[in-house]
PDB file of N, CA and C in Angstrom:
ATOM      1  N   LEU A   1       0.823  -1.183   0.000  1.00  0.00           N
ATOM      2  CA  LEU A   1       0.000   0.000   0.000  1.00  0.00           C
ATOM      3  C   LEU A   1       0.863   1.242   0.000  1.00  0.00           C
ATOM      4  N   ILE A   2       0.431   2.212  -0.756  1.00  0.00           N
ATOM      5  CA  ILE A   2       1.117   3.501  -0.791  1.00  0.00           C
ATOM      6  C   ILE A   2       0.143   4.548  -0.306  1.00  0.00           C
ATOM      7  N   GLY A   3       0.564   5.334   0.659  1.00  0.00           N
ATOM      8  CA  GLY A   3      -0.306   6.371   1.204  1.00  0.00           C
ATOM      9  C   GLY A   3       0.333   7.727   1.059  1.00  0.00           C
ATOM     10  N   CYS A   4      -0.491   8.715   1.011  1.00  0.00           N
ATOM     11  CA  CYS A   4      -0.010  10.088   0.939  1.00  0.00           C
ATOM     12  C   CYS A   4      -0.522  10.842   2.153  1.00  0.00           C
ATOM     13  N   LYS A   5       0.366  11.590   2.766  1.00  0.00           N
ATOM     14  CA  LYS A   5      -0.028  12.416   3.893  1.00  0.00           C
ATOM     15  C   LYS A   5      -0.211  13.840   3.392  1.00  0.00           C
ATOM     16  N   LYS A   6      -1.338  14.409   3.667  1.00  0.00           N
ATOM     17  CA  LYS A   6      -1.614  15.760   3.232  1.00  0.00           C
ATOM     18  C   LYS A   6      -1.223  16.736   4.341  1.00  0.00           C
ATOM     19  N   ASP A   7      -0.408  17.742   3.992  1.00  0.00           N
ATOM     20  CA  ASP A   7      -0.063  18.782   4.953  1.00  0.00           C
ATOM     21  C   ASP A   7      -1.302  19.606   5.256  1.00  0.00           C
ATOM     22  N   SER A   8      -1.450  20.039   6.492  1.00  0.00           N
ATOM     23  CA  SER A   8      -2.601  20.864   6.835  1.00  0.00           C
ATOM     24  C   SER A   8      -2.406  22.309   6.370  1.00  0.00           C
ATOM     25  N   VAL A   9      -1.174  22.692   6.044  1.00  0.00           N
ATOM     26  CA  VAL A   9      -0.896  24.029   5.532  1.00  0.00           C
ATOM     27  C   VAL A   9      -0.596  23.903   4.045  1.00  0.00           C
ATOM     28  N   PRO A  10      -1.536  24.293   3.176  1.00  0.00           N
ATOM     29  CA  PRO A  10      -1.264  24.213   1.740  1.00  0.00           C
ATOM     30  C   PRO A  10      -0.124  25.149   1.344  1.00  0.00           C
ATOM     31  N   ALA A  11       0.801  24.653   0.545  1.00  0.00           N
ATOM     32  CA  ALA A  11       1.969  25.435   0.141  1.00  0.00           C
ATOM     33  C   ALA A  11       1.565  26.718  -0.575  1.00  0.00           C
ATOM     34  N   ASN A  12       0.471  26.679  -1.325  1.00  0.00           N
ATOM     35  CA  ASN A  12       0.090  27.876  -2.075  1.00  0.00           C
ATOM     36  C   ASN A  12      -0.333  29.033  -1.164  1.00  0.00           C
ATOM     37  N   LEU A  13      -0.671  28.774   0.085  1.00  0.00           N
ATOM     38  CA  LEU A  13      -0.987  29.867   1.010  1.00  0.00           C
ATOM     39  C   LEU A  13       0.275  30.586   1.476  1.00  0.00           C
ATOM     40  N   ILE A  14       1.393  29.895   1.527  1.00  0.00           N
ATOM     41  CA  ILE A  14       2.665  30.491   1.955  1.00  0.00           C
ATOM     42  C   ILE A  14       3.286  31.324   0.836  1.00  0.00           C
ATOM     43  N   VAL A  15       3.140  30.843  -0.398  1.00  0.00           N
ATOM     44  CA  VAL A  15       3.793  31.476  -1.556  1.00  0.00           C
ATOM     45  C   VAL A  15       3.306  32.906  -1.718  1.00  0.00           C
ATOM     46  N   GLY A  16       4.275  33.803  -1.939  1.00  0.00           N
ATOM     47  CA  GLY A  16       3.973  35.205  -2.175  1.00  0.00           C
ATOM     48  C   GLY A  16       4.809  36.107  -1.287  1.00  0.00           C
ATOM     49  N   GLU A  17       4.493  37.381  -1.321  1.00  0.00           N
ATOM     50  CA  GLU A  17       5.237  38.375  -0.554  1.00  0.00           C
ATOM     51  C   GLU A  17       4.429  38.793   0.668  1.00  0.00           C
ATOM     52  N   TRP A  18       5.101  38.863   1.795  1.00  0.00           N
ATOM     53  CA  TRP A  18       4.488  39.200   3.077  1.00  0.00           C
ATOM     54  C   TRP A  18       5.211  40.394   3.690  1.00  0.00           C
ATOM     55  N   GLN A  19       4.450  41.278   4.312  1.00  0.00           N
ATOM     56  CA  GLN A  19       4.986  42.441   5.027  1.00  0.00           C
ATOM     57  C   GLN A  19       4.935  42.156   6.518  1.00  0.00           C
ATOM     58  N   LEU A  20       6.098  42.221   7.176  1.00  0.00           N
ATOM     59  CA  LEU A  20       6.142  42.030   8.626  1.00  0.00           C
ATOM     60  C   LEU A  20       5.404  43.187   9.295  1.00  0.00           C
ATOM     61  N   GLN A  21       4.414  42.865  10.140  1.00  0.00           N
ATOM     62  CA  GLN A  21       3.589  43.883  10.799  1.00  0.00           C
ATOM     63  C   GLN A  21       3.952  44.097  12.262  1.00  0.00           C
ATOM     64  N   LYS A  22       4.244  43.000  12.976  1.00  0.00           N
ATOM     65  CA  LYS A  22       4.626  43.144  14.387  1.00  0.00           C
ATOM     66  C   LYS A  22       5.403  41.914  14.836  1.00  0.00           C
ATOM     67  N   THR A  23       6.177  42.122  15.892  1.00  0.00           N
ATOM     68  CA  THR A  23       6.981  41.037  16.456  1.00  0.00           C
ATOM     69  C   THR A  23       6.785  41.001  17.964  1.00  0.00           C
ATOM     70  N   GLU A  24       6.962  39.819  18.516  1.00  0.00           N
ATOM     71  CA  GLU A  24       7.017  39.621  19.963  1.00  0.00           C
ATOM     72  C   GLU A  24       8.246  38.747  20.192  1.00  0.00           C
ATOM     73  N   VAL A  25       9.327  39.350  20.664  1.00  0.00           N
ATOM     74  CA  VAL A  25      10.610  38.671  20.771  1.00  0.00           C
ATOM     75  C   VAL A  25      11.034  38.569  22.227  1.00  0.00           C
ATOM     76  N   GLU A  26      11.482  37.388  22.616  1.00  0.00           N
ATOM     77  CA  GLU A  26      11.978  37.171  23.976  1.00  0.00           C
ATOM     78  C   GLU A  26      13.375  37.764  24.090  1.00  0.00           C
ATOM     79  N   GLN A  27      13.560  38.636  25.083  1.00  0.00           N
ATOM     80  CA  GLN A  27      14.857  39.244  25.359  1.00  0.00           C
ATOM     81  C   GLN A  27      15.083  39.247  26.865  1.00  0.00           C
ATOM     82  N   SER A  28      16.081  38.532  27.310  1.00  0.00           N
ATOM     83  CA  SER A  28      16.435  38.470  28.728  1.00  0.00           C
ATOM     84  C   SER A  28      15.259  38.069  29.608  1.00  0.00           C
ATOM     85  N   GLY A  29      14.473  37.112  29.153  1.00  0.00           N
ATOM     86  CA  GLY A  29      13.357  36.615  29.939  1.00  0.00           C
ATOM     87  C   GLY A  29      12.076  37.410  29.806  1.00  0.00           C
ATOM     88  N   ASN A  30      12.097  38.502  29.062  1.00  0.00           N
ATOM     89  CA  ASN A  30      10.903  39.322  28.859  1.00  0.00           C
ATOM     90  C   ASN A  30      10.480  39.285  27.389  1.00  0.00           C
ATOM     91  N   ILE A  31       9.193  39.410  27.135  1.00  0.00           N
ATOM     92  CA  ILE A  31       8.678  39.488  25.768  1.00  0.00           C
ATOM     93  C   ILE A  31       8.584  40.961  25.384  1.00  0.00           C
ATOM     94  N   VAL A  32       9.296  41.333  24.329  1.00  0.00           N
ATOM     95  CA  VAL A  32       9.291  42.711  23.833  1.00  0.00           C
ATOM     96  C   VAL A  32       8.429  42.748  22.576  1.00  0.00           C
ATOM     97  N   LYS A  33       7.348  43.523  22.625  1.00  0.00           N
ATOM     98  CA  LYS A  33       6.429  43.645  21.487  1.00  0.00           C
ATOM     99  C   LYS A  33       6.770  44.900  20.696  1.00  0.00           C
ATOM    100  N   LYS A  34       6.827  44.739  19.354  1.00  0.00           N
ATOM    101  CA  LYS A  34       7.113  45.881  18.480  1.00  0.00           C
ATOM    102  C   LYS A  34       6.168  45.860  17.295  1.00  0.00           C
ATOM    103  N   ASN A  35       5.595  47.034  16.996  1.00  0.00           N
ATOM    104  CA  ASN A  35       4.808  47.206  15.788  1.00  0.00           C
ATOM    105  C   ASN A  35       5.694  47.788  14.696  1.00  0.00           C
ATOM    106  N   LYS A  36       5.305  47.600  13.458  1.00  0.00           N
ATOM    107  CA  LYS A  36       6.083  48.105  12.323  1.00  0.00           C
ATOM    108  C   LYS A  36       6.216  49.615  12.425  1.00  0.00           C
ATOM    109  N   PRO A  37       7.451  50.129  12.399  1.00  0.00           N
ATOM    110  CA  PRO A  37       7.649  51.585  12.419  1.00  0.00           C
ATOM    111  C   PRO A  37       7.110  52.223  11.134  1.00  0.00           C
ATOM    112  N   ASN A  38       6.710  53.497  11.228  1.00  0.00           N
ATOM    113  CA  ASN A  38       6.254  54.228  10.042  1.00  0.00           C
ATOM    114  C   ASN A  38       7.316  54.204   8.961  1.00  0.00           C
ATOM    115  N   LYS A  39       6.917  54.039   7.735  1.00  0.00           N
ATOM    116  CA  LYS A  39       7.766  54.033   6.539  1.00  0.00           C
ATOM    117  C   LYS A  39       8.701  52.841   6.455  1.00  0.00           C
ATOM    118  N   ALA A  40       8.706  51.980   7.449  1.00  0.00           N
ATOM    119  CA  ALA A  40       9.573  50.803   7.418  1.00  0.00           C
ATOM    120  C   ALA A  40       8.928  49.711   6.580  1.00  0.00           C
ATOM    121  N   GLU A  41       9.763  48.951   5.873  1.00  0.00           N
ATOM    122  CA  GLU A  41       9.289  47.792   5.122  1.00  0.00           C
ATOM    123  C   GLU A  41      10.224  46.618   5.384  1.00  0.00           C
ATOM    124  N   VAL A  42       9.639  45.544   5.867  1.00  0.00           N
ATOM    125  CA  VAL A  42      10.348  44.283   5.982  1.00  0.00           C
ATOM    126  C   VAL A  42       9.522  43.304   5.155  1.00  0.00           C
ATOM    127  N   LEU A  43      10.026  42.989   3.968  1.00  0.00           N
ATOM    128  CA  LEU A  43       9.301  42.123   3.048  1.00  0.00           C
ATOM    129  C   LEU A  43       9.938  40.746   3.022  1.00  0.00           C
ATOM    130  N   VAL A  44       9.097  39.734   3.164  1.00  0.00           N
ATOM    131  CA  VAL A  44       9.530  38.347   3.124  1.00  0.00           C
ATOM    132  C   VAL A  44       8.795  37.685   1.967  1.00  0.00           C
ATOM    133  N   ARG A  45       9.549  36.992   1.106  1.00  0.00           N
ATOM    134  CA  ARG A  45       8.950  36.355  -0.064  1.00  0.00           C
ATOM    135  C   ARG A  45       9.259  34.872  -0.077  1.00  0.00           C
ATOM    136  N   PHE A  46       8.224  34.071  -0.268  1.00  0.00           N
ATOM    137  CA  PHE A  46       8.341  32.630  -0.450  1.00  0.00           C
ATOM    138  C   PHE A  46       7.877  32.330  -1.872  1.00  0.00           C
ATOM    139  N   ASP A  47       8.741  31.727  -2.714  1.00  0.00           N
ATOM    140  CA  ASP A  47       8.286  31.436  -4.063  1.00  0.00           C
ATOM    141  C   ASP A  47       7.915  29.966  -4.226  1.00  0.00           C
ATOM    142  N   GLN A  48       7.376  29.617  -5.371  1.00  0.00           N
ATOM    143  CA  GLN A  48       6.885  28.267  -5.627  1.00  0.00           C
ATOM    144  C   GLN A  48       7.990  27.224  -5.707  1.00  0.00           C
ATOM    145  N   ASN A  49       9.231  27.666  -5.892  1.00  0.00           N
ATOM    146  CA  ASN A  49      10.360  26.749  -6.028  1.00  0.00           C
ATOM    147  C   ASN A  49      11.105  26.518  -4.720  1.00  0.00           C
ATOM    148  N   GLY A  50      10.559  26.994  -3.608  1.00  0.00           N
ATOM    149  CA  GLY A  50      11.197  26.805  -2.313  1.00  0.00           C
ATOM    150  C   GLY A  50      12.244  27.847  -1.977  1.00  0.00           C
ATOM    151  N   GLU A  51      12.290  28.933  -2.738  1.00  0.00           N
ATOM    152  CA  GLU A  51      13.245  30.009  -2.459  1.00  0.00           C
ATOM    153  C   GLU A  51      12.616  31.017  -1.495  1.00  0.00           C
ATOM    154  N   PHE A  52      13.473  31.566  -0.631  1.00  0.00           N
ATOM    155  CA  PHE A  52      13.068  32.531   0.390  1.00  0.00           C
ATOM    156  C   PHE A  52      13.918  33.783   0.221  1.00  0.00           C
ATOM    157  N   ASN A  53      13.307  34.962   0.391  1.00  0.00           N
ATOM    158  CA  ASN A  53      14.079  36.197   0.376  1.00  0.00           C
ATOM    159  C   ASN A  53      13.471  37.173   1.371  1.00  0.00           C
ATOM    160  N   GLU A  54      14.345  37.992   1.956  1.00  0.00           N
ATOM    161  CA  GLU A  54      13.934  38.975   2.958  1.00  0.00           C
ATOM    162  C   GLU A  54      14.632  40.287   2.638  1.00  0.00           C
ATOM    163  N   THR A  55      13.863  41.371   2.511  1.00  0.00           N
ATOM    164  CA  THR A  55      14.449  42.676   2.208  1.00  0.00           C
ATOM    165  C   THR A  55      13.963  43.710   3.223  1.00  0.00           C
ATOM    166  N   TYR A  56      14.807  44.729   3.431  1.00  0.00           N
ATOM    167  CA  TYR A  56      14.530  45.786   4.405  1.00  0.00           C
ATOM    168  C   TYR A  56      14.618  47.142   3.731  1.00  0.00           C
ATOM    169  N   LYS A  57      13.700  48.041   4.121  1.00  0.00           N
ATOM    170  CA  LYS A  57      13.719  49.408   3.625  1.00  0.00           C
ATOM    171  C   LYS A  57      13.346  50.333   4.789  1.00  0.00           C
ATOM    172  N   ASN A  58      14.164  51.331   5.033  1.00  0.00           N
ATOM    173  CA  ASN A  58      13.928  52.340   6.074  1.00  0.00           C
ATOM    174  C   ASN A  58      13.930  51.782   7.494  1.00  0.00           C
ATOM    175  N   VAL A  59      14.615  50.662   7.705  1.00  0.00           N
ATOM    176  CA  VAL A  59      14.726  50.092   9.047  1.00  0.00           C
ATOM    177  C   VAL A  59      15.901  49.110   9.061  1.00  0.00           C
ATOM    178  N   PHE A  60      16.542  48.970  10.192  1.00  0.00           N
ATOM    179  CA  PHE A  60      17.618  47.992  10.365  1.00  0.00           C
ATOM    180  C   PHE A  60      17.045  46.735  11.022  1.00  0.00           C
ATOM    181  N   PRO A  61      17.509  45.544  10.602  1.00  0.00           N
ATOM    182  CA  PRO A  61      16.982  44.301  11.179  1.00  0.00           C
ATOM    183  C   PRO A  61      17.072  44.238  12.704  1.00  0.00           C
ATOM    184  N   VAL A  62      18.079  44.841  13.287  1.00  0.00           N
ATOM    185  CA  VAL A  62      18.230  44.808  14.736  1.00  0.00           C
ATOM    186  C   VAL A  62      17.127  45.616  15.429  1.00  0.00           C
ATOM    187  N   ASP A  63      16.577  46.625  14.746  1.00  0.00           N
ATOM    188  CA  ASP A  63      15.528  47.461  15.326  1.00  0.00           C
ATOM    189  C   ASP A  63      14.137  46.853  15.146  1.00  0.00           C
ATOM    190  N   PHE A  64      13.889  46.265  13.978  1.00  0.00           N
ATOM    191  CA  PHE A  64      12.612  45.626  13.686  1.00  0.00           C
ATOM    192  C   PHE A  64      12.851  44.678  12.523  1.00  0.00           C
ATOM    193  N   GLY A  65      12.786  43.387  12.789  1.00  0.00           N
ATOM    194  CA  GLY A  65      13.082  42.469  11.704  1.00  0.00           C
ATOM    195  C   GLY A  65      12.647  41.053  11.972  1.00  0.00           C
ATOM    196  N   PHE A  66      12.893  40.237  10.946  1.00  0.00           N
ATOM    197  CA  PHE A  66      12.572  38.819  11.007  1.00  0.00           C
ATOM    198  C   PHE A  66      13.870  38.066  11.213  1.00  0.00           C
ATOM    199  N   LEU A  67      14.506  37.582  10.175  1.00  0.00           N
ATOM    200  CA  LEU A  67      15.775  36.869  10.309  1.00  0.00           C
ATOM    201  C   LEU A  67      16.975  37.773  10.078  1.00  0.00           C
ATOM    202  N   GLY A  68      16.831  38.765   9.216  1.00  0.00           N
ATOM    203  CA  GLY A  68      17.940  39.654   8.890  1.00  0.00           C
ATOM    204  C   GLY A  68      19.019  38.968   8.092  1.00  0.00           C
ATOM    205  N   CYS A  69      18.646  37.979   7.295  1.00  0.00           N
ATOM    206  CA  CYS A  69      19.628  37.136   6.601  1.00  0.00           C
ATOM    207  C   CYS A  69      19.612  37.241   5.082  1.00  0.00           C
ATOM    208  N   GLY A  70      18.693  37.942   4.490  1.00  0.00           N
ATOM    209  CA  GLY A  70      18.626  37.980   3.031  1.00  0.00           C
ATOM    210  C   GLY A  70      17.942  36.750   2.472  1.00  0.00           C
ATOM    211  N   GLY A  71      18.585  36.092   1.525  1.00  0.00           N
ATOM    212  CA  GLY A  71      17.949  34.985   0.815  1.00  0.00           C
ATOM    213  C   GLY A  71      18.342  33.613   1.310  1.00  0.00           C
ATOM    214  N   GLY A  72      17.614  32.619   0.809  1.00  0.00           N
ATOM    215  CA  GLY A  72      17.868  31.226   1.144  1.00  0.00           C
ATOM    216  C   GLY A  72      16.764  30.359   0.577  1.00  0.00           C
ATOM    217  N   ASN A  73      16.419  29.305   1.298  1.00  0.00           N
ATOM    218  CA  ASN A  73      15.330  28.442   0.846  1.00  0.00           C
ATOM    219  C   ASN A  73      14.469  28.036   2.039  1.00  0.00           C
ATOM    220  N   TYR A  74      13.328  27.437   1.725  1.00  0.00           N
ATOM    221  CA  TYR A  74      12.397  27.025   2.776  1.00  0.00           C
ATOM    222  C   TYR A  74      11.721  25.725   2.358  1.00  0.00           C
ATOM    223  N   GLU A  75      11.152  25.059   3.354  1.00  0.00           N
ATOM    224  CA  GLU A  75      10.314  23.895   3.078  1.00  0.00           C
ATOM    225  C   GLU A  75       9.298  23.739   4.201  1.00  0.00           C
ATOM    226  N   LEU A  76       8.135  23.216   3.829  1.00  0.00           N
ATOM    227  CA  LEU A  76       7.116  22.904   4.816  1.00  0.00           C
ATOM    228  C   LEU A  76       7.439  21.551   5.420  1.00  0.00           C
ATOM    229  N   GLU A  77       7.236  21.422   6.737  1.00  0.00           N
ATOM    230  CA  GLU A  77       7.513  20.169   7.445  1.00  0.00           C
ATOM    231  C   GLU A  77       6.305  19.780   8.277  1.00  0.00           C
ATOM    232  N   GLY A  78       5.810  18.575   8.063  1.00  0.00           N
ATOM    233  CA  GLY A  78       4.688  18.088   8.858  1.00  0.00           C
ATOM    234  C   GLY A  78       3.436  18.902   8.652  1.00  0.00           C
ATOM    235  N   GLU A  79       2.631  18.964   9.699  1.00  0.00           N
ATOM    236  CA  GLU A  79       1.336  19.632   9.583  1.00  0.00           C
ATOM    237  C   GLU A  79       1.417  21.153   9.646  1.00  0.00           C
ATOM    238  N   ASN A  80       2.354  21.705  10.414  1.00  0.00           N
ATOM    239  CA  ASN A  80       2.403  23.160  10.560  1.00  0.00           C
ATOM    240  C   ASN A  80       3.829  23.688  10.738  1.00  0.00           C
ATOM    241  N   GLY A  81       4.808  22.960  10.237  1.00  0.00           N
ATOM    242  CA  GLY A  81       6.193  23.386  10.359  1.00  0.00           C
ATOM    243  C   GLY A  81       6.699  24.080   9.110  1.00  0.00           C
ATOM    244  N   LEU A  82       7.588  25.033   9.302  1.00  0.00           N
ATOM    245  CA  LEU A  82       8.240  25.759   8.221  1.00  0.00           C
ATOM    246  C   LEU A  82       9.707  25.881   8.583  1.00  0.00           C
ATOM    247  N   ARG A  83      10.584  25.338   7.751  1.00  0.00           N
ATOM    248  CA  ARG A  83      12.022  25.426   7.993  1.00  0.00           C
ATOM    249  C   ARG A  83      12.633  26.372   6.967  1.00  0.00           C
ATOM    250  N   ILE A  84      13.372  27.370   7.464  1.00  0.00           N
ATOM    251  CA  ILE A  84      14.039  28.344   6.594  1.00  0.00           C
ATOM    252  C   ILE A  84      15.542  28.185   6.765  1.00  0.00           C
ATOM    253  N   ARG A  85      16.226  28.092   5.642  1.00  0.00           N
ATOM    254  CA  ARG A  85      17.688  28.050   5.619  1.00  0.00           C
ATOM    255  C   ARG A  85      18.159  29.269   4.846  1.00  0.00           C
ATOM    256  N   ALA A  86      18.859  30.159   5.515  1.00  0.00           N
ATOM    257  CA  ALA A  86      19.343  31.383   4.885  1.00  0.00           C
ATOM    258  C   ALA A  86      20.864  31.422   4.941  1.00  0.00           C
ATOM    259  N   THR A  87      21.447  32.221   4.058  1.00  0.00           N
ATOM    260  CA  THR A  87      22.896  32.231   3.882  1.00  0.00           C
ATOM    261  C   THR A  87      23.677  32.634   5.125  1.00  0.00           C
ATOM    262  N   CYS A  88      23.115  33.469   5.978  1.00  0.00           N
ATOM    263  CA  CYS A  88      23.877  33.942   7.145  1.00  0.00           C
ATOM    264  C   CYS A  88      23.764  33.027   8.360  1.00  0.00           C
ATOM    265  N   MET A  89      22.973  31.976   8.264  1.00  0.00           N
ATOM    266  CA  MET A  89      22.769  31.111   9.427  1.00  0.00           C
ATOM    267  C   MET A  89      23.987  30.221   9.670  1.00  0.00           C
ATOM    268  N   SER A  90      24.312  30.042  10.940  1.00  0.00           N
ATOM    269  CA  SER A  90      25.464  29.205  11.281  1.00  0.00           C
ATOM    270  C   SER A  90      25.132  27.720  11.197  1.00  0.00           C
ATOM    271  N   SER A  91      23.867  27.368  11.285  1.00  0.00           N
ATOM    272  CA  SER A  91      23.456  25.973  11.225  1.00  0.00           C
ATOM    273  C   SER A  91      22.976  25.616   9.825  1.00  0.00           C
ATOM    274  N   LEU A  92      23.441  24.500   9.302  1.00  0.00           N
ATOM    275  CA  LEU A  92      22.989  24.048   7.991  1.00  0.00           C
ATOM    276  C   LEU A  92      21.542  23.584   8.015  1.00  0.00           C
ATOM    277  N   SER A  93      21.039  23.244   9.199  1.00  0.00           N
ATOM    278  CA  SER A  93      19.651  22.803   9.282  1.00  0.00           C
ATOM    279  C   SER A  93      18.676  23.979   9.307  1.00  0.00           C
ATOM    280  N   GLY A  94      19.173  25.196   9.424  1.00  0.00           N
ATOM    281  CA  GLY A  94      18.325  26.379   9.399  1.00  0.00           C
ATOM    282  C   GLY A  94      17.560  26.586  10.685  1.00  0.00           C
ATOM    283  N   GLN A  95      16.461  27.306  10.576  1.00  0.00           N
ATOM    284  CA  GLN A  95      15.625  27.592  11.739  1.00  0.00           C
ATOM    285  C   GLN A  95      14.211  27.117  11.455  1.00  0.00           C
ATOM    286  N   LYS A  96      13.634  26.426  12.439  1.00  0.00           N
ATOM    287  CA  LYS A  96      12.277  25.918  12.288  1.00  0.00           C
ATOM    288  C   LYS A  96      11.281  26.867  12.941  1.00  0.00           C
ATOM    289  N   PHE A  97      10.172  27.080  12.237  1.00  0.00           N
ATOM    290  CA  PHE A  97       9.068  27.897  12.730  1.00  0.00           C
ATOM    291  C   PHE A  97       7.809  27.049  12.760  1.00  0.00           C
ATOM    292  N   THR A  98       6.893  27.410  13.621  1.00  0.00           N
ATOM    293  CA  THR A  98       5.571  26.803  13.644  1.00  0.00           C
ATOM    294  C   THR A  98       4.602  27.812  13.046  1.00  0.00           C
ATOM    295  N   ILE A  99       3.794  27.345  12.109  1.00  0.00           N
ATOM    296  CA  ILE A  99       2.781  28.206  11.501  1.00  0.00           C
ATOM    297  C   ILE A  99       1.558  28.169  12.405  1.00  0.00           C
ATOM    298  N   ILE A 100       1.323  29.279  13.097  1.00  0.00           N
ATOM    299  CA  ILE A 100       0.199  29.399  14.018  1.00  0.00           C
ATOM    300  C   ILE A 100      -1.087  29.649  13.233  1.00  0.00           C
ATOM    301  N   ASP A 101      -0.996  30.505  12.225  1.00  0.00           N
ATOM    302  CA  ASP A 101      -2.161  30.822  11.400  1.00  0.00           C
ATOM    303  C   ASP A 101      -1.678  31.256  10.026  1.00  0.00           C
ATOM    304  N   VAL A 102      -2.419  30.867   8.992  1.00  0.00           N
ATOM    305  CA  VAL A 102      -2.127  31.331   7.637  1.00  0.00           C
ATOM    306  C   VAL A 102      -3.436  31.407   6.868  1.00  0.00           C
ATOM    307  N   SER A 103      -3.591  32.508   6.141  1.00  0.00           N
ATOM    308  CA  SER A 103      -4.736  32.704   5.267  1.00  0.00           C
ATOM    309  C   SER A 103      -4.219  33.484   4.063  1.00  0.00           C
ATOM    310  N   THR A 104      -5.104  33.918   3.212  1.00  0.00           N
ATOM    311  CA  THR A 104      -4.654  34.704   2.057  1.00  0.00           C
ATOM    312  C   THR A 104      -4.149  36.082   2.470  1.00  0.00           C
ATOM    313  N   LYS A 105      -4.467  36.529   3.689  1.00  0.00           N
ATOM    314  CA  LYS A 105      -4.083  37.873   4.124  1.00  0.00           C
ATOM    315  C   LYS A 105      -3.178  37.920   5.340  1.00  0.00           C
ATOM    316  N   GLU A 106      -3.003  36.798   6.049  1.00  0.00           N
ATOM    317  CA  GLU A 106      -2.247  36.825   7.300  1.00  0.00           C
ATOM    318  C   GLU A 106      -1.400  35.566   7.457  1.00  0.00           C
ATOM    319  N   LEU A 107      -0.197  35.756   7.998  1.00  0.00           N
ATOM    320  CA  LEU A 107       0.705  34.653   8.322  1.00  0.00           C
ATOM    321  C   LEU A 107       1.299  34.940   9.693  1.00  0.00           C
ATOM    322  N   ILE A 108       1.152  33.993  10.618  1.00  0.00           N
ATOM    323  CA  ILE A 108       1.718  34.153  11.966  1.00  0.00           C
ATOM    324  C   ILE A 108       2.632  32.968  12.241  1.00  0.00           C
ATOM    325  N   LEU A 109       3.888  33.268  12.579  1.00  0.00           N
ATOM    326  CA  LEU A 109       4.902  32.252  12.856  1.00  0.00           C
ATOM    327  C   LEU A 109       5.441  32.410  14.264  1.00  0.00           C
ATOM    328  N   THR A 110       5.804  31.289  14.889  1.00  0.00           N
ATOM    329  CA  THR A 110       6.542  31.315  16.150  1.00  0.00           C
ATOM    330  C   THR A 110       7.780  30.450  15.976  1.00  0.00           C
ATOM    331  N   ASN A 111       8.777  30.690  16.830  1.00  0.00           N
ATOM    332  CA  ASN A 111       9.971  29.841  16.804  1.00  0.00           C
ATOM    333  C   ASN A 111      10.191  29.213  18.181  1.00  0.00           C
ATOM    334  N   ASP A 112      11.231  28.387  18.281  1.00  0.00           N
ATOM    335  CA  ASP A 112      11.514  27.677  19.528  1.00  0.00           C
ATOM    336  C   ASP A 112      12.037  28.583  20.637  1.00  0.00           C
ATOM    337  N   PHE A 113      12.311  29.849  20.321  1.00  0.00           N
ATOM    338  CA  PHE A 113      12.849  30.778  21.306  1.00  0.00           C
ATOM    339  C   PHE A 113      11.759  31.648  21.923  1.00  0.00           C
ATOM    340  N   GLY A 114      10.501  31.378  21.595  1.00  0.00           N
ATOM    341  CA  GLY A 114       9.389  32.138  22.168  1.00  0.00           C
ATOM    342  C   GLY A 114       9.024  33.395  21.411  1.00  0.00           C
ATOM    343  N   SER A 115       9.585  33.580  20.213  1.00  0.00           N
ATOM    344  CA  SER A 115       9.278  34.770  19.423  1.00  0.00           C
ATOM    345  C   SER A 115       8.090  34.514  18.498  1.00  0.00           C
ATOM    346  N   LYS A 116       7.352  35.590  18.224  1.00  0.00           N
ATOM    347  CA  LYS A 116       6.177  35.505  17.360  1.00  0.00           C
ATOM    348  C   LYS A 116       6.282  36.613  16.299  1.00  0.00           C
ATOM    349  N   PHE A 117       6.003  36.239  15.045  1.00  0.00           N
ATOM    350  CA  PHE A 117       6.103  37.181  13.927  1.00  0.00           C
ATOM    351  C   PHE A 117       4.787  37.193  13.168  1.00  0.00           C
ATOM    352  N   SER A 118       4.194  38.383  13.014  1.00  0.00           N
ATOM    353  CA  SER A 118       2.909  38.528  12.335  1.00  0.00           C
ATOM    354  C   SER A 118       3.108  39.298  11.029  1.00  0.00           C
ATOM    355  N   PHE A 119       2.650  38.684   9.931  1.00  0.00           N
ATOM    356  CA  PHE A 119       2.791  39.253   8.593  1.00  0.00           C
ATOM    357  C   PHE A 119       1.421  39.496   7.975  1.00  0.00           C
ATOM    358  N   GLY A 120       1.350  40.459   7.058  1.00  0.00           N
ATOM    359  CA  GLY A 120       0.146  40.707   6.291  1.00  0.00           C
ATOM    360  C   GLY A 120       0.502  40.896   4.833  1.00  0.00           C
ATOM    361  N   ARG A 121      -0.506  40.921   3.989  1.00  0.00           N
ATOM    362  CA  ARG A 121      -0.282  41.167   2.549  1.00  0.00           C
ATOM    363  C   ARG A 121      -0.746  42.554   2.208  1.00  0.00           C
TER     364      ARG A 121
END
């Protein structure tokens, strides 16, 4: 018998360009919440071929950002996992995120460090 497992997160919902809207990042045991600064753009793009890119305009990644790594690749894992491998990462396995919510207009990711990233289109 051959079976196919269907991911609960359809790949076509991830594909496209997303604007980072807010972050909740753990720093020294506290959660620091940040909304997108005026005129700032943090754009994250997932394409159909598994390529990932992140660009910044009018903001530095250290002040408000996602990975701050530029380009790389991604893949969906299991029911709600997303693994991103970018050029600046020290680990070849990349960083794993959990997809909390995804729709045509919203994408919410968390990581193993307690951070939460909310994107919109």
